[in-house]
Amino acid sequence: MLLQVEDAFKDEVADVLFISHFDKDHISSIPDLKQSATKIKVIVLPLLNNQQRNLLLNFYSKFLV
């Protein structure tokens, strides 16, 4: 049985969230994780230029704030 993100991190603190790249299969569960976990302490992103970083921050800030 595959454990769902919302069940795996229910009311827990996630120490680190590693995002290797931004393909849908790697990021689609981030909103579920944010809803389930009480806190994400550190988010590690791949190396981005300023334009890429600003674009992603604007888009994902509603999920991470």
PDB file of N, CA and C in Angstrom:
ATOM      1  N   MET A   1       0.831  -1.184   0.000  1.00  0.00           N
ATOM      2  CA  MET A   1       0.000   0.000   0.000  1.00  0.00           C
ATOM      3  C   MET A   1       0.878   1.251   0.000  1.00  0.00           C
ATOM      4  N   LEU A   2       0.580   2.164  -0.872  1.00  0.00           N
ATOM      5  CA  LEU A   2       1.331   3.411  -0.968  1.00  0.00           C
ATOM      6  C   LEU A   2       0.794   4.400   0.061  1.00  0.00           C
ATOM      7  N   LEU A   3       1.676   4.910   0.894  1.00  0.00           N
ATOM      8  CA  LEU A   3       1.277   5.860   1.925  1.00  0.00           C
ATOM      9  C   LEU A   3       1.147   7.246   1.308  1.00  0.00           C
ATOM     10  N   GLN A   4       0.044   7.902   1.534  1.00  0.00           N
ATOM     11  CA  GLN A   4      -0.192   9.237   1.011  1.00  0.00           C
ATOM     12  C   GLN A   4       0.596  10.262   1.821  1.00  0.00           C
ATOM     13  N   VAL A   5       0.991  11.352   1.166  1.00  0.00           N
ATOM     14  CA  VAL A   5       1.761  12.400   1.837  1.00  0.00           C
ATOM     15  C   VAL A   5       1.027  12.915   3.065  1.00  0.00           C
ATOM     16  N   GLU A   6      -0.269  13.163   2.925  1.00  0.00           N
ATOM     17  CA  GLU A   6      -1.005  13.730   4.059  1.00  0.00           C
ATOM     18  C   GLU A   6      -1.077  12.781   5.246  1.00  0.00           C
ATOM     19  N   ASP A   7      -0.948  11.477   5.015  1.00  0.00           N
ATOM     20  CA  ASP A   7      -0.929  10.509   6.105  1.00  0.00           C
ATOM     21  C   ASP A   7       0.474  10.339   6.683  1.00  0.00           C
ATOM     22  N   ALA A   8       1.472  10.426   5.842  1.00  0.00           N
ATOM     23  CA  ALA A   8       2.850  10.181   6.267  1.00  0.00           C
ATOM     24  C   ALA A   8       3.380  11.271   7.196  1.00  0.00           C
ATOM     25  N   PHE A   9       2.934  12.507   7.011  1.00  0.00           N
ATOM     26  CA  PHE A   9       3.471  13.623   7.787  1.00  0.00           C
ATOM     27  C   PHE A   9       2.411  14.322   8.627  1.00  0.00           C
ATOM     28  N   LYS A  10       1.361  13.614   8.969  1.00  0.00           N
ATOM     29  CA  LYS A  10       0.244  14.207   9.714  1.00  0.00           C
ATOM     30  C   LYS A  10       0.726  14.807  11.028  1.00  0.00           C
ATOM     31  N   ASP A  11       0.577  16.111  11.156  1.00  0.00           N
ATOM     32  CA  ASP A  11       0.902  16.843  12.391  1.00  0.00           C
ATOM     33  C   ASP A  11       2.350  16.660  12.841  1.00  0.00           C
ATOM     34  N   GLU A  12       3.264  16.485  11.898  1.00  0.00           N
ATOM     35  CA  GLU A  12       4.684  16.351  12.226  1.00  0.00           C
ATOM     36  C   GLU A  12       5.467  17.520  11.649  1.00  0.00           C
ATOM     37  N   VAL A  13       6.680  17.694  12.139  1.00  0.00           N
ATOM     38  CA  VAL A  13       7.596  18.689  11.603  1.00  0.00           C
ATOM     39  C   VAL A  13       8.486  18.002  10.577  1.00  0.00           C
ATOM     40  N   ALA A  14       8.563  18.577   9.380  1.00  0.00           N
ATOM     41  CA  ALA A  14       9.488  18.080   8.359  1.00  0.00           C
ATOM     42  C   ALA A  14      10.777  18.879   8.506  1.00  0.00           C
ATOM     43  N   ASP A  15      11.880  18.207   8.789  1.00  0.00           N
ATOM     44  CA  ASP A  15      13.151  18.904   8.989  1.00  0.00           C
ATOM     45  C   ASP A  15      13.653  19.543   7.702  1.00  0.00           C
ATOM     46  N   VAL A  16      13.633  18.789   6.601  1.00  0.00           N
ATOM     47  CA  VAL A  16      14.166  19.291   5.333  1.00  0.00           C
ATOM     48  C   VAL A  16      13.294  18.808   4.187  1.00  0.00           C
ATOM     49  N   LEU A  17      13.003  19.709   3.269  1.00  0.00           N
ATOM     50  CA  LEU A  17      12.325  19.364   2.024  1.00  0.00           C
ATOM     51  C   LEU A  17      13.311  19.622   0.893  1.00  0.00           C
ATOM     52  N   PHE A  18      13.769  18.562   0.232  1.00  0.00           N
ATOM     53  CA  PHE A  18      14.671  18.683  -0.908  1.00  0.00           C
ATOM     54  C   PHE A  18      13.849  18.666  -2.185  1.00  0.00           C
ATOM     55  N   ILE A  19      14.038  19.667  -3.031  1.00  0.00           N
ATOM     56  CA  ILE A  19      13.381  19.712  -4.338  1.00  0.00           C
ATOM     57  C   ILE A  19      14.495  19.668  -5.379  1.00  0.00           C
ATOM     58  N   SER A  20      14.621  18.546  -6.068  1.00  0.00           N
ATOM     59  CA  SER A  20      15.722  18.371  -7.017  1.00  0.00           C
ATOM     60  C   SER A  20      15.504  19.139  -8.311  1.00  0.00           C
ATOM     61  N   HIS A  21      14.253  19.223  -8.739  1.00  0.00           N
ATOM     62  CA  HIS A  21      13.883  20.004  -9.922  1.00  0.00           C
ATOM     63  C   HIS A  21      12.375  20.210  -9.889  1.00  0.00           C
ATOM     64  N   PHE A  22      11.872  20.983 -10.805  1.00  0.00           N
ATOM     65  CA  PHE A  22      10.490  21.434 -10.702  1.00  0.00           C
ATOM     66  C   PHE A  22       9.540  20.753 -11.674  1.00  0.00           C
ATOM     67  N   ASP A  23       9.831  19.521 -12.043  1.00  0.00           N
ATOM     68  CA  ASP A  23       8.877  18.754 -12.845  1.00  0.00           C
ATOM     69  C   ASP A  23       7.666  18.426 -11.977  1.00  0.00           C
ATOM     70  N   LYS A  24       6.537  18.283 -12.617  1.00  0.00           N
ATOM     71  CA  LYS A  24       5.281  18.072 -11.887  1.00  0.00           C
ATOM     72  C   LYS A  24       5.346  16.890 -10.927  1.00  0.00           C
ATOM     73  N   ASP A  25       5.993  15.799 -11.348  1.00  0.00           N
ATOM     74  CA  ASP A  25       6.040  14.619 -10.483  1.00  0.00           C
ATOM     75  C   ASP A  25       6.881  14.838  -9.227  1.00  0.00           C
ATOM     76  N   HIS A  26       7.677  15.882  -9.198  1.00  0.00           N
ATOM     77  CA  HIS A  26       8.501  16.171  -8.025  1.00  0.00           C
ATOM     78  C   HIS A  26       7.891  17.224  -7.112  1.00  0.00           C
ATOM     79  N   ILE A  27       6.973  18.023  -7.613  1.00  0.00           N
ATOM     80  CA  ILE A  27       6.449  19.124  -6.803  1.00  0.00           C
ATOM     81  C   ILE A  27       4.942  19.068  -6.552  1.00  0.00           C
ATOM     82  N   SER A  28       4.254  18.159  -7.197  1.00  0.00           N
ATOM     83  CA  SER A  28       2.788  18.169  -7.113  1.00  0.00           C
ATOM     84  C   SER A  28       2.253  17.875  -5.710  1.00  0.00           C
ATOM     85  N   SER A  29       3.037  17.236  -4.867  1.00  0.00           N
ATOM     86  CA  SER A  29       2.566  16.912  -3.509  1.00  0.00           C
ATOM     87  C   SER A  29       2.981  17.940  -2.461  1.00  0.00           C
ATOM     88  N   ILE A  30       3.687  18.976  -2.871  1.00  0.00           N
ATOM     89  CA  ILE A  30       4.117  19.993  -1.904  1.00  0.00           C
ATOM     90  C   ILE A  30       2.927  20.647  -1.198  1.00  0.00           C
ATOM     91  N   PRO A  31       1.869  21.031  -1.898  1.00  0.00           N
ATOM     92  CA  PRO A  31       0.720  21.605  -1.177  1.00  0.00           C
ATOM     93  C   PRO A  31       0.127  20.637  -0.146  1.00  0.00           C
ATOM     94  N   ASP A  32       0.077  19.344  -0.475  1.00  0.00           N
ATOM     95  CA  ASP A  32      -0.426  18.346   0.479  1.00  0.00           C
ATOM     96  C   ASP A  32       0.484  18.250   1.699  1.00  0.00           C
ATOM     97  N   LEU A  33       1.787  18.280   1.459  1.00  0.00           N
ATOM     98  CA  LEU A  33       2.740  18.234   2.562  1.00  0.00           C
ATOM     99  C   LEU A  33       2.574  19.457   3.455  1.00  0.00           C
ATOM    100  N   LYS A  34       2.438  20.625   2.847  1.00  0.00           N
ATOM    101  CA  LYS A  34       2.269  21.858   3.623  1.00  0.00           C
ATOM    102  C   LYS A  34       0.987  21.820   4.451  1.00  0.00           C
ATOM    103  N   GLN A  35      -0.071  21.246   3.911  1.00  0.00           N
ATOM    104  CA  GLN A  35      -1.331  21.129   4.648  1.00  0.00           C
ATOM    105  C   GLN A  35      -1.204  20.153   5.819  1.00  0.00           C
ATOM    106  N   SER A  36      -0.415  19.108   5.642  1.00  0.00           N
ATOM    107  CA  SER A  36      -0.336  18.037   6.625  1.00  0.00           C
ATOM    108  C   SER A  36       0.699  18.299   7.717  1.00  0.00           C
ATOM    109  N   ALA A  37       1.892  18.695   7.320  1.00  0.00           N
ATOM    110  CA  ALA A  37       2.968  18.921   8.287  1.00  0.00           C
ATOM    111  C   ALA A  37       2.704  20.205   9.063  1.00  0.00           C
ATOM    112  N   THR A  38       3.105  20.222  10.323  1.00  0.00           N
ATOM    113  CA  THR A  38       2.925  21.432  11.113  1.00  0.00           C
ATOM    114  C   THR A  38       3.948  22.497  10.744  1.00  0.00           C
ATOM    115  N   LYS A  39       5.104  22.050  10.221  1.00  0.00           N
ATOM    116  CA  LYS A  39       6.163  22.987   9.873  1.00  0.00           C
ATOM    117  C   LYS A  39       7.143  22.308   8.928  1.00  0.00           C
ATOM    118  N   ILE A  40       7.706  23.074   7.998  1.00  0.00           N
ATOM    119  CA  ILE A  40       8.833  22.631   7.180  1.00  0.00           C
ATOM    120  C   ILE A  40       9.985  23.559   7.554  1.00  0.00           C
ATOM    121  N   LYS A  41      11.007  23.010   8.196  1.00  0.00           N
ATOM    122  CA  LYS A  41      12.091  23.841   8.727  1.00  0.00           C
ATOM    123  C   LYS A  41      12.976  24.434   7.632  1.00  0.00           C
ATOM    124  N   VAL A  42      13.388  23.607   6.672  1.00  0.00           N
ATOM    125  CA  VAL A  42      14.328  24.044   5.636  1.00  0.00           C
ATOM    126  C   VAL A  42      13.861  23.511   4.293  1.00  0.00           C
ATOM    127  N   ILE A  43      13.925  24.365   3.276  1.00  0.00           N
ATOM    128  CA  ILE A  43      13.626  23.934   1.911  1.00  0.00           C
ATOM    129  C   ILE A  43      14.882  24.128   1.082  1.00  0.00           C
ATOM    130  N   VAL A  44      15.352  23.046   0.460  1.00  0.00           N
ATOM    131  CA  VAL A  44      16.559  23.081  -0.359  1.00  0.00           C
ATOM    132  C   VAL A  44      16.141  23.020  -1.820  1.00  0.00           C
ATOM    133  N   LEU A  45      16.548  24.045  -2.574  1.00  0.00           N
ATOM    134  CA  LEU A  45      16.209  24.155  -3.991  1.00  0.00           C
ATOM    135  C   LEU A  45      17.448  23.952  -4.849  1.00  0.00           C
ATOM    136  N   PRO A  46      17.263  23.585  -6.105  1.00  0.00           N
ATOM    137  CA  PRO A  46      18.409  23.527  -7.011  1.00  0.00           C
ATOM    138  C   PRO A  46      18.927  24.941  -7.282  1.00  0.00           C
ATOM    139  N   LEU A  47      20.140  25.030  -7.796  1.00  0.00           N
ATOM    140  CA  LEU A  47      20.730  26.325  -8.118  1.00  0.00           C
ATOM    141  C   LEU A  47      19.896  27.013  -9.195  1.00  0.00           C
ATOM    142  N   LEU A  48      19.467  28.226  -8.909  1.00  0.00           N
ATOM    143  CA  LEU A  48      18.622  28.984  -9.827  1.00  0.00           C
ATOM    144  C   LEU A  48      19.231  30.361 -10.059  1.00  0.00           C
ATOM    145  N   ASN A  49      18.976  30.913 -11.244  1.00  0.00           N
ATOM    146  CA  ASN A  49      19.376  32.303 -11.439  1.00  0.00           C
ATOM    147  C   ASN A  49      18.310  33.194 -10.802  1.00  0.00           C
ATOM    148  N   ASN A  50      18.551  34.489 -10.709  1.00  0.00           N
ATOM    149  CA  ASN A  50      17.625  35.397 -10.019  1.00  0.00           C
ATOM    150  C   ASN A  50      16.231  35.391 -10.631  1.00  0.00           C
ATOM    151  N   GLN A  51      16.150  35.370 -11.941  1.00  0.00           N
ATOM    152  CA  GLN A  51      14.849  35.384 -12.609  1.00  0.00           C
ATOM    153  C   GLN A  51      14.054  34.112 -12.289  1.00  0.00           C
ATOM    154  N   GLN A  52      14.707  32.960 -12.350  1.00  0.00           N
ATOM    155  CA  GLN A  52      14.036  31.701 -12.028  1.00  0.00           C
ATOM    156  C   GLN A  52      13.575  31.686 -10.571  1.00  0.00           C
ATOM    157  N   ARG A  53      14.443  32.129  -9.679  1.00  0.00           N
ATOM    158  CA  ARG A  53      14.119  32.136  -8.252  1.00  0.00           C
ATOM    159  C   ARG A  53      12.917  33.040  -7.970  1.00  0.00           C
ATOM    160  N   ASN A  54      12.903  34.236  -8.540  1.00  0.00           N
ATOM    161  CA  ASN A  54      11.788  35.156  -8.317  1.00  0.00           C
ATOM    162  C   ASN A  54      10.487  34.612  -8.879  1.00  0.00           C
ATOM    163  N   LEU A  55      10.555  34.004 -10.039  1.00  0.00           N
ATOM    164  CA  LEU A  55       9.360  33.411 -10.635  1.00  0.00           C
ATOM    165  C   LEU A  55       8.788  32.321  -9.730  1.00  0.00           C
ATOM    166  N   LEU A  56       9.651  31.438  -9.253  1.00  0.00           N
ATOM    167  CA  LEU A  56       9.194  30.349  -8.389  1.00  0.00           C
ATOM    168  C   LEU A  56       8.702  30.852  -7.035  1.00  0.00           C
ATOM    169  N   LEU A  57       9.381  31.822  -6.469  1.00  0.00           N
ATOM    170  CA  LEU A  57       8.932  32.370  -5.189  1.00  0.00           C
ATOM    171  C   LEU A  57       7.556  33.006  -5.311  1.00  0.00           C
ATOM    172  N   ASN A  58       7.340  33.736  -6.387  1.00  0.00           N
ATOM    173  CA  ASN A  58       6.026  34.354  -6.588  1.00  0.00           C
ATOM    174  C   ASN A  58       4.945  33.299  -6.760  1.00  0.00           C
ATOM    175  N   PHE A  59       5.245  32.258  -7.497  1.00  0.00           N
ATOM    176  CA  PHE A  59       4.248  31.228  -7.774  1.00  0.00           C
ATOM    177  C   PHE A  59       3.951  30.369  -6.549  1.00  0.00           C
ATOM    178  N   TYR A  60       4.992  29.954  -5.820  1.00  0.00           N
ATOM    179  CA  TYR A  60       4.815  28.997  -4.724  1.00  0.00           C
ATOM    180  C   TYR A  60       4.660  29.631  -3.351  1.00  0.00           C
ATOM    181  N   SER A  61       4.782  30.932  -3.237  1.00  0.00           N
ATOM    182  CA  SER A  61       4.722  31.556  -1.910  1.00  0.00           C
ATOM    183  C   SER A  61       3.415  31.263  -1.189  1.00  0.00           C
ATOM    184  N   LYS A  62       2.324  31.108  -1.925  1.00  0.00           N
ATOM    185  CA  LYS A  62       1.040  30.816  -1.274  1.00  0.00           C
ATOM    186  C   LYS A  62       1.038  29.444  -0.604  1.00  0.00           C
ATOM    187  N   PHE A  63       1.906  28.535  -1.065  1.00  0.00           N
ATOM    188  CA  PHE A  63       1.981  27.204  -0.466  1.00  0.00           C
ATOM    189  C   PHE A  63       2.970  27.149   0.691  1.00  0.00           C
ATOM    190  N   LEU A  64       3.948  28.031   0.690  1.00  0.00           N
ATOM    191  CA  LEU A  64       5.057  27.911   1.632  1.00  0.00           C
ATOM    192  C   LEU A  64       5.009  28.916   2.769  1.00  0.00           C
ATOM    193  N   VAL A  65       4.142  29.879   2.701  1.00  0.00           N
ATOM    194  CA  VAL A  65       4.079  30.916   3.736  1.00  0.00           C
ATOM    195  C   VAL A  65       3.141  30.497   4.835  1.00  0.00           C
TER     196      VAL A  65
END
